[in-house]
Amino acid sequence: MESSSGKTAPPTLSITPTTFNSSLSSSSSPPLSHSSPSTLMLPPPQSQVIVMSPCAACKILRRRCDDKCLLAPYFPPSDPLKFTIAHRVFGASNIIKFLQELPESQRADAVSSMVYEGTARLRDPVYGCAGAICHLQRQVSELQAELAKAHAEILTIQVQKENRLASICTDDDQDQPTTISYGQCADVNQNDELYGVASCMDPSVRASNLESLWHDLREF
């Protein structure tokens, strides 16, 4: 289109409104969830990486320590001296061989025994744990001898006590006065009844008769 002045007018664009089908728009858009906006804004959880420190055995041997390590339950990384002693005396291969031959319930005791024997061997290279065992047996023998001596002394004291009690009872029986009846006093002097009665009534005569009777009893 040209104007009266001979200049060409710029073209005009006409935009006609278009209507969208509600059914198409609803089918093409994904359904909205009823979750809160805060839940949608959270980032996905990150997996935590657990870094396991190698056991003392693997650390000293400079090898990789995994979950199936046979030595890890018995040689923790916090106690490297325990494996150092056992490894120096027995060797790592022998330790592993010993543990594989034993059931799991006895492995902890076996490791403790190896560590004890290794410590004794390093302390006494000649006798090792045999020297400690001999020393303990000597102490047991000495204590048994002391115990037997104590029992003998107790038995001796008990016998002395019984003898002392028996002697005391005998002395008490001897110290008791002898009672003489009127008839016994009369039997001493059967020839003279009156003299017998008088002698029993006279204190001096009665004393002499008692002495003679006591002498006769002792001779009897």
C-alpha atoms as a PDB file:
ATOM      1  CA  MET A   1       0.000   0.000   0.000  1.00  0.00           C
ATOM      2  CA  GLU A   2       1.294   3.367  -0.921  1.00  0.00           C
ATOM      3  CA  SER A   3       0.371   6.689   0.625  1.00  0.00           C
ATOM      4  CA  SER A   4      -0.398   9.879  -1.207  1.00  0.00           C
ATOM      5  CA  SER A   5       3.105  11.152  -0.618  1.00  0.00           C
ATOM      6  CA  GLY A   6       4.553   8.240  -2.554  1.00  0.00           C
ATOM      7  CA  LYS A   7       6.132   6.454   0.455  1.00  0.00           C
ATOM      8  CA  THR A   8       5.562   2.838   1.183  1.00  0.00           C
ATOM      9  CA  ALA A   9       3.905   2.178   4.561  1.00  0.00           C
ATOM     10  CA  PRO A  10       5.362  -0.578   6.772  1.00  0.00           C
ATOM     11  CA  PRO A  11       3.382  -3.779   6.883  1.00  0.00           C
ATOM     12  CA  THR A  12       1.136  -4.367   9.860  1.00  0.00           C
ATOM     13  CA  LEU A  13       0.793  -7.673  11.650  1.00  0.00           C
ATOM     14  CA  SER A  14      -2.594  -8.752  12.838  1.00  0.00           C
ATOM     15  CA  ILE A  15      -2.721 -11.286  15.707  1.00  0.00           C
ATOM     16  CA  THR A  16      -5.884 -13.253  15.986  1.00  0.00           C
ATOM     17  CA  PRO A  17      -6.561 -14.826  19.375  1.00  0.00           C
ATOM     18  CA  THR A  18      -6.640 -18.594  19.360  1.00  0.00           C
ATOM     19  CA  THR A  19      -8.522 -20.711  21.835  1.00  0.00           C
ATOM     20  CA  PHE A  20      -6.888 -23.782  23.375  1.00  0.00           C
ATOM     21  CA  ASN A  21      -8.819 -26.873  24.053  1.00  0.00           C
ATOM     22  CA  SER A  22      -9.116 -27.466  27.753  1.00  0.00           C
ATOM     23  CA  SER A  23      -9.107 -31.197  27.280  1.00  0.00           C
ATOM     24  CA  LEU A  24      -5.773 -31.122  25.437  1.00  0.00           C
ATOM     25  CA  SER A  25      -4.178 -28.815  27.945  1.00  0.00           C
ATOM     26  CA  SER A  26      -5.288 -30.949  30.846  1.00  0.00           C
ATOM     27  CA  SER A  27      -4.055 -34.153  29.224  1.00  0.00           C
ATOM     28  CA  SER A  28      -0.677 -32.757  28.220  1.00  0.00           C
ATOM     29  CA  SER A  29       0.197 -31.185  31.594  1.00  0.00           C
ATOM     30  CA  PRO A  30       1.256 -33.604  34.382  1.00  0.00           C
ATOM     31  CA  PRO A  31      -0.951 -33.812  37.429  1.00  0.00           C
ATOM     32  CA  LEU A  32       0.113 -31.684  40.339  1.00  0.00           C
ATOM     33  CA  SER A  33       0.898 -33.462  43.570  1.00  0.00           C
ATOM     34  CA  HIS A  34      -0.526 -32.403  46.879  1.00  0.00           C
ATOM     35  CA  SER A  35       2.884 -32.246  48.564  1.00  0.00           C
ATOM     36  CA  SER A  36       3.976 -29.077  50.241  1.00  0.00           C
ATOM     37  CA  PRO A  37       6.388 -26.722  48.454  1.00  0.00           C
ATOM     38  CA  SER A  38       9.006 -27.287  51.181  1.00  0.00           C
ATOM     39  CA  THR A  39       9.139 -31.007  50.352  1.00  0.00           C
ATOM     40  CA  LEU A  40       9.647 -30.320  46.731  1.00  0.00           C
ATOM     41  CA  MET A  41      12.512 -27.963  47.461  1.00  0.00           C
ATOM     42  CA  LEU A  42      14.564 -30.525  49.455  1.00  0.00           C
ATOM     43  CA  PRO A  43      17.577 -31.970  47.633  1.00  0.00           C
ATOM     44  CA  PRO A  44      17.913 -35.728  47.333  1.00  0.00           C
ATOM     45  CA  PRO A  45      19.634 -37.405  50.305  1.00  0.00           C
ATOM     46  CA  GLN A  46      23.296 -38.080  49.876  1.00  0.00           C
ATOM     47  CA  SER A  47      24.711 -41.480  50.783  1.00  0.00           C
ATOM     48  CA  GLN A  48      27.129 -41.333  53.736  1.00  0.00           C
ATOM     49  CA  VAL A  49      30.516 -42.806  53.024  1.00  0.00           C
ATOM     50  CA  ILE A  50      31.938 -44.672  56.033  1.00  0.00           C
ATOM     51  CA  VAL A  51      35.701 -44.792  56.006  1.00  0.00           C
ATOM     52  CA  MET A  52      36.973 -47.827  57.912  1.00  0.00           C
ATOM     53  CA  SER A  53      40.439 -47.646  59.337  1.00  0.00           C
ATOM     54  CA  PRO A  54      42.502 -50.775  58.720  1.00  0.00           C
ATOM     55  CA  CYS A  55      43.180 -53.120  61.586  1.00  0.00           C
ATOM     56  CA  ALA A  56      46.559 -53.211  63.249  1.00  0.00           C
ATOM     57  CA  ALA A  57      47.550 -56.367  61.373  1.00  0.00           C
ATOM     58  CA  CYS A  58      46.745 -54.996  57.926  1.00  0.00           C
ATOM     59  CA  LYS A  59      48.321 -51.661  58.782  1.00  0.00           C
ATOM     60  CA  ILE A  60      51.595 -53.292  59.849  1.00  0.00           C
ATOM     61  CA  LEU A  61      51.552 -55.713  56.915  1.00  0.00           C
ATOM     62  CA  ARG A  62      50.630 -52.815  54.577  1.00  0.00           C
ATOM     63  CA  ARG A  63      47.766 -54.544  52.894  1.00  0.00           C
ATOM     64  CA  ARG A  64      44.142 -53.695  52.251  1.00  0.00           C
ATOM     65  CA  CYS A  65      41.730 -54.418  55.084  1.00  0.00           C
ATOM     66  CA  ASP A  66      38.180 -55.341  54.039  1.00  0.00           C
ATOM     67  CA  ASP A  67      35.053 -56.465  55.860  1.00  0.00           C
ATOM     68  CA  LYS A  68      36.077 -60.127  55.669  1.00  0.00           C
ATOM     69  CA  CYS A  69      39.471 -59.630  57.296  1.00  0.00           C
ATOM     70  CA  LEU A  70      40.186 -62.540  59.630  1.00  0.00           C
ATOM     71  CA  LEU A  71      42.498 -60.568  61.904  1.00  0.00           C
ATOM     72  CA  ALA A  72      40.394 -57.398  62.298  1.00  0.00           C
ATOM     73  CA  PRO A  73      38.208 -58.585  65.236  1.00  0.00           C
ATOM     74  CA  TYR A  74      41.259 -59.558  67.308  1.00  0.00           C
ATOM     75  CA  PHE A  75      43.820 -56.879  66.435  1.00  0.00           C
ATOM     76  CA  PRO A  76      42.094 -53.464  66.596  1.00  0.00           C
ATOM     77  CA  PRO A  77      43.892 -50.412  65.225  1.00  0.00           C
ATOM     78  CA  SER A  78      44.049 -48.898  68.709  1.00  0.00           C
ATOM     79  CA  ASP A  79      46.420 -51.644  69.960  1.00  0.00           C
ATOM     80  CA  PRO A  80      49.177 -52.243  67.391  1.00  0.00           C
ATOM     81  CA  LEU A  81      51.605 -53.642  69.981  1.00  0.00           C
ATOM     82  CA  LYS A  82      49.409 -56.718  70.375  1.00  0.00           C
ATOM     83  CA  PHE A  83      49.918 -57.806  66.774  1.00  0.00           C
ATOM     84  CA  THR A  84      53.557 -56.720  66.766  1.00  0.00           C
ATOM     85  CA  ILE A  85      54.398 -59.153  69.573  1.00  0.00           C
ATOM     86  CA  ALA A  86      52.476 -62.059  68.040  1.00  0.00           C
ATOM     87  CA  HIS A  87      53.832 -61.362  64.549  1.00  0.00           C
ATOM     88  CA  ARG A  88      57.416 -61.187  65.768  1.00  0.00           C
ATOM     89  CA  VAL A  89      57.269 -64.591  67.471  1.00  0.00           C
ATOM     90  CA  PHE A  90      54.825 -66.610  65.338  1.00  0.00           C
ATOM     91  CA  GLY A  91      54.531 -64.792  62.023  1.00  0.00           C
ATOM     92  CA  ALA A  92      51.425 -63.534  60.245  1.00  0.00           C
ATOM     93  CA  SER A  93      50.934 -66.662  58.122  1.00  0.00           C
ATOM     94  CA  ASN A  94      51.045 -68.960  61.160  1.00  0.00           C
ATOM     95  CA  ILE A  95      48.617 -66.733  63.067  1.00  0.00           C
ATOM     96  CA  ILE A  96      46.134 -66.846  60.194  1.00  0.00           C
ATOM     97  CA  LYS A  97      46.576 -70.611  59.900  1.00  0.00           C
ATOM     98  CA  PHE A  98      45.958 -71.118  63.616  1.00  0.00           C
ATOM     99  CA  LEU A  99      42.802 -69.015  63.557  1.00  0.00           C
ATOM    100  CA  GLN A 100      41.420 -70.786  60.492  1.00  0.00           C
ATOM    101  CA  GLU A 101      41.779 -74.174  62.166  1.00  0.00           C
ATOM    102  CA  LEU A 102      39.842 -73.081  65.262  1.00  0.00           C
ATOM    103  CA  PRO A 103      36.114 -72.354  65.637  1.00  0.00           C
ATOM    104  CA  GLU A 104      35.124 -68.742  65.996  1.00  0.00           C
ATOM    105  CA  SER A 105      34.258 -69.136  69.683  1.00  0.00           C
ATOM    106  CA  GLN A 106      37.861 -70.103  70.538  1.00  0.00           C
ATOM    107  CA  ARG A 107      39.781 -67.625  68.407  1.00  0.00           C
ATOM    108  CA  ALA A 108      39.831 -64.806  70.959  1.00  0.00           C
ATOM    109  CA  ASP A 109      41.354 -67.098  73.606  1.00  0.00           C
ATOM    110  CA  ALA A 110      43.897 -68.368  71.080  1.00  0.00           C
ATOM    111  CA  VAL A 111      44.981 -64.812  70.245  1.00  0.00           C
ATOM    112  CA  SER A 112      45.345 -63.977  73.946  1.00  0.00           C
ATOM    113  CA  SER A 113      47.425 -67.120  74.446  1.00  0.00           C
ATOM    114  CA  MET A 114      49.694 -66.273  71.513  1.00  0.00           C
ATOM    115  CA  VAL A 115      50.207 -62.729  72.762  1.00  0.00           C
ATOM    116  CA  TYR A 116      51.023 -63.983  76.287  1.00  0.00           C
ATOM    117  CA  GLU A 117      53.440 -66.616  74.997  1.00  0.00           C
ATOM    118  CA  GLY A 118      55.055 -64.093  72.661  1.00  0.00           C
ATOM    119  CA  THR A 119      55.530 -61.618  75.508  1.00  0.00           C
ATOM    120  CA  ALA A 120      57.123 -64.327  77.671  1.00  0.00           C
ATOM    121  CA  ARG A 121      59.384 -65.394  74.807  1.00  0.00           C
ATOM    122  CA  LEU A 122      60.585 -61.840  74.233  1.00  0.00           C
ATOM    123  CA  ARG A 123      61.217 -61.415  77.962  1.00  0.00           C
ATOM    124  CA  ASP A 124      62.990 -64.775  78.328  1.00  0.00           C
ATOM    125  CA  PRO A 125      64.275 -66.054  74.964  1.00  0.00           C
ATOM    126  CA  VAL A 126      65.608 -69.302  76.486  1.00  0.00           C
ATOM    127  CA  TYR A 127      62.648 -70.657  78.480  1.00  0.00           C
ATOM    128  CA  GLY A 128      59.772 -68.428  77.403  1.00  0.00           C
ATOM    129  CA  CYS A 129      56.476 -69.185  79.108  1.00  0.00           C
ATOM    130  CA  ALA A 130      57.935 -72.445  80.490  1.00  0.00           C
ATOM    131  CA  GLY A 131      60.077 -70.376  82.857  1.00  0.00           C
ATOM    132  CA  ALA A 132      57.003 -68.537  84.133  1.00  0.00           C
ATOM    133  CA  ILE A 133      55.174 -71.851  84.604  1.00  0.00           C
ATOM    134  CA  CYS A 134      58.093 -73.324  86.594  1.00  0.00           C
ATOM    135  CA  HIS A 135      58.211 -70.218  88.769  1.00  0.00           C
ATOM    136  CA  LEU A 136      54.496 -70.497  89.520  1.00  0.00           C
ATOM    137  CA  GLN A 137      54.799 -74.216  90.280  1.00  0.00           C
ATOM    138  CA  ARG A 138      57.617 -73.470  92.719  1.00  0.00           C
ATOM    139  CA  GLN A 139      55.436 -70.919  94.478  1.00  0.00           C
ATOM    140  CA  VAL A 140      52.591 -73.448  94.699  1.00  0.00           C
ATOM    141  CA  SER A 141      54.912 -76.054  96.250  1.00  0.00           C
ATOM    142  CA  GLU A 142      56.189 -73.571  98.834  1.00  0.00           C
ATOM    143  CA  LEU A 143      52.662 -72.543  99.771  1.00  0.00           C
ATOM    144  CA  GLN A 144      51.580 -76.178 100.105  1.00  0.00           C
ATOM    145  CA  ALA A 145      54.532 -76.855 102.444  1.00  0.00           C
ATOM    146  CA  GLU A 146      53.624 -73.832 104.573  1.00  0.00           C
ATOM    147  CA  LEU A 147      50.010 -74.988 104.703  1.00  0.00           C
ATOM    148  CA  ALA A 148      51.019 -78.487 105.848  1.00  0.00           C
ATOM    149  CA  LYS A 149      53.260 -76.980 108.533  1.00  0.00           C
ATOM    150  CA  ALA A 150      50.409 -74.789 109.768  1.00  0.00           C
ATOM    151  CA  HIS A 151      48.081 -77.829 109.977  1.00  0.00           C
ATOM    152  CA  ALA A 152      50.710 -79.734 111.986  1.00  0.00           C
ATOM    153  CA  GLU A 153      51.092 -76.842 114.422  1.00  0.00           C
ATOM    154  CA  ILE A 154      47.331 -76.623 114.863  1.00  0.00           C
ATOM    155  CA  LEU A 155      47.143 -80.363 115.598  1.00  0.00           C
ATOM    156  CA  THR A 156      49.985 -80.083 118.136  1.00  0.00           C
ATOM    157  CA  ILE A 157      48.257 -77.213 119.919  1.00  0.00           C
ATOM    158  CA  GLN A 158      44.994 -79.178 120.064  1.00  0.00           C
ATOM    159  CA  VAL A 159      46.766 -82.199 121.626  1.00  0.00           C
ATOM    160  CA  GLN A 160      48.504 -79.977 124.178  1.00  0.00           C
ATOM    161  CA  LYS A 161      45.187 -78.399 125.049  1.00  0.00           C
ATOM    162  CA  GLU A 162      43.538 -81.785 125.598  1.00  0.00           C
ATOM    163  CA  ASN A 163      46.448 -82.969 127.781  1.00  0.00           C
ATOM    164  CA  ARG A 164      46.315 -79.789 129.827  1.00  0.00           C
ATOM    165  CA  LEU A 165      42.584 -80.186 130.419  1.00  0.00           C
ATOM    166  CA  ALA A 166      43.055 -83.825 131.431  1.00  0.00           C
ATOM    167  CA  SER A 167      45.799 -82.937 133.938  1.00  0.00           C
ATOM    168  CA  ILE A 168      43.672 -80.168 135.439  1.00  0.00           C
ATOM    169  CA  CYS A 169      40.751 -82.571 135.927  1.00  0.00           C
ATOM    170  CA  THR A 170      43.084 -85.113 137.582  1.00  0.00           C
ATOM    171  CA  ASP A 171      44.457 -82.502 139.981  1.00  0.00           C
ATOM    172  CA  ASP A 172      40.946 -81.455 140.936  1.00  0.00           C
ATOM    173  CA  ASP A 173      40.010 -85.056 141.732  1.00  0.00           C
ATOM    174  CA  GLN A 174      43.073 -85.478 143.940  1.00  0.00           C
ATOM    175  CA  ASP A 175      42.452 -82.244 145.821  1.00  0.00           C
ATOM    176  CA  GLN A 176      38.941 -83.291 146.916  1.00  0.00           C
ATOM    177  CA  PRO A 177      38.811 -84.263 150.721  1.00  0.00           C
ATOM    178  CA  THR A 178      38.052 -87.854 151.642  1.00  0.00           C
ATOM    179  CA  THR A 179      34.909 -88.267 153.778  1.00  0.00           C
ATOM    180  CA  ILE A 180      34.950 -91.021 156.383  1.00  0.00           C
ATOM    181  CA  SER A 181      31.748 -92.216 157.961  1.00  0.00           C
ATOM    182  CA  TYR A 182      31.215 -93.129 161.586  1.00  0.00           C
ATOM    183  CA  GLY A 183      31.074 -96.785 160.715  1.00  0.00           C
ATOM    184  CA  GLN A 184      34.464 -96.679 159.003  1.00  0.00           C
ATOM    185  CA  CYS A 185      35.983 -95.012 162.067  1.00  0.00           C
ATOM    186  CA  ALA A 186      34.522 -97.754 164.250  1.00  0.00           C
ATOM    187  CA  ASP A 187      35.884-100.484 161.943  1.00  0.00           C
ATOM    188  CA  VAL A 188      39.413 -99.238 162.511  1.00  0.00           C
ATOM    189  CA  ASN A 189      39.197-100.147 166.164  1.00  0.00           C
ATOM    190  CA  GLN A 190      36.875-103.150 166.203  1.00  0.00           C
ATOM    191  CA  ASN A 191      38.424-104.573 169.422  1.00  0.00           C
ATOM    192  CA  ASP A 192      37.388-101.661 171.573  1.00  0.00           C
ATOM    193  CA  GLU A 193      34.015-100.162 170.671  1.00  0.00           C
ATOM    194  CA  LEU A 194      34.200 -97.512 173.338  1.00  0.00           C
ATOM    195  CA  TYR A 195      37.654 -96.489 172.251  1.00  0.00           C
ATOM    196  CA  GLY A 196      36.442 -96.282 168.695  1.00  0.00           C
ATOM    197  CA  VAL A 197      33.606 -94.011 169.626  1.00  0.00           C
ATOM    198  CA  ALA A 198      35.877 -91.894 171.766  1.00  0.00           C
ATOM    199  CA  SER A 199      38.477 -91.708 169.064  1.00  0.00           C
ATOM    200  CA  CYS A 200      35.878 -90.568 166.581  1.00  0.00           C
ATOM    201  CA  MET A 201      34.738 -87.903 168.986  1.00  0.00           C
ATOM    202  CA  ASP A 202      38.297 -86.781 169.867  1.00  0.00           C
ATOM    203  CA  PRO A 203      39.730 -84.503 167.189  1.00  0.00           C
ATOM    204  CA  SER A 204      43.348 -85.492 167.798  1.00  0.00           C
ATOM    205  CA  VAL A 205      42.609 -89.183 167.645  1.00  0.00           C
ATOM    206  CA  ARG A 206      40.375 -88.695 164.628  1.00  0.00           C
ATOM    207  CA  ALA A 207      43.176 -86.931 162.775  1.00  0.00           C
ATOM    208  CA  SER A 208      45.629 -89.742 163.463  1.00  0.00           C
ATOM    209  CA  ASN A 209      43.102 -92.305 162.329  1.00  0.00           C
ATOM    210  CA  LEU A 210      42.479 -90.385 159.134  1.00  0.00           C
ATOM    211  CA  GLU A 211      46.187 -90.318 158.397  1.00  0.00           C
ATOM    212  CA  SER A 212      46.497 -94.047 158.870  1.00  0.00           C
ATOM    213  CA  LEU A 213      43.444 -94.642 156.713  1.00  0.00           C
ATOM    214  CA  TRP A 214      44.800 -92.377 153.988  1.00  0.00           C
ATOM    215  CA  HIS A 215      48.114 -94.314 154.162  1.00  0.00           C
ATOM    216  CA  ASP A 216      46.273 -97.602 153.750  1.00  0.00           C
ATOM    217  CA  LEU A 217      44.293 -96.294 150.821  1.00  0.00           C
ATOM    218  CA  ARG A 218      47.433 -95.138 149.086  1.00  0.00           C
ATOM    219  CA  GLU A 219      49.112 -98.492 149.555  1.00  0.00           C
ATOM    220  CA  PHE A 220      46.012-100.185 148.223  1.00  0.00           C
END
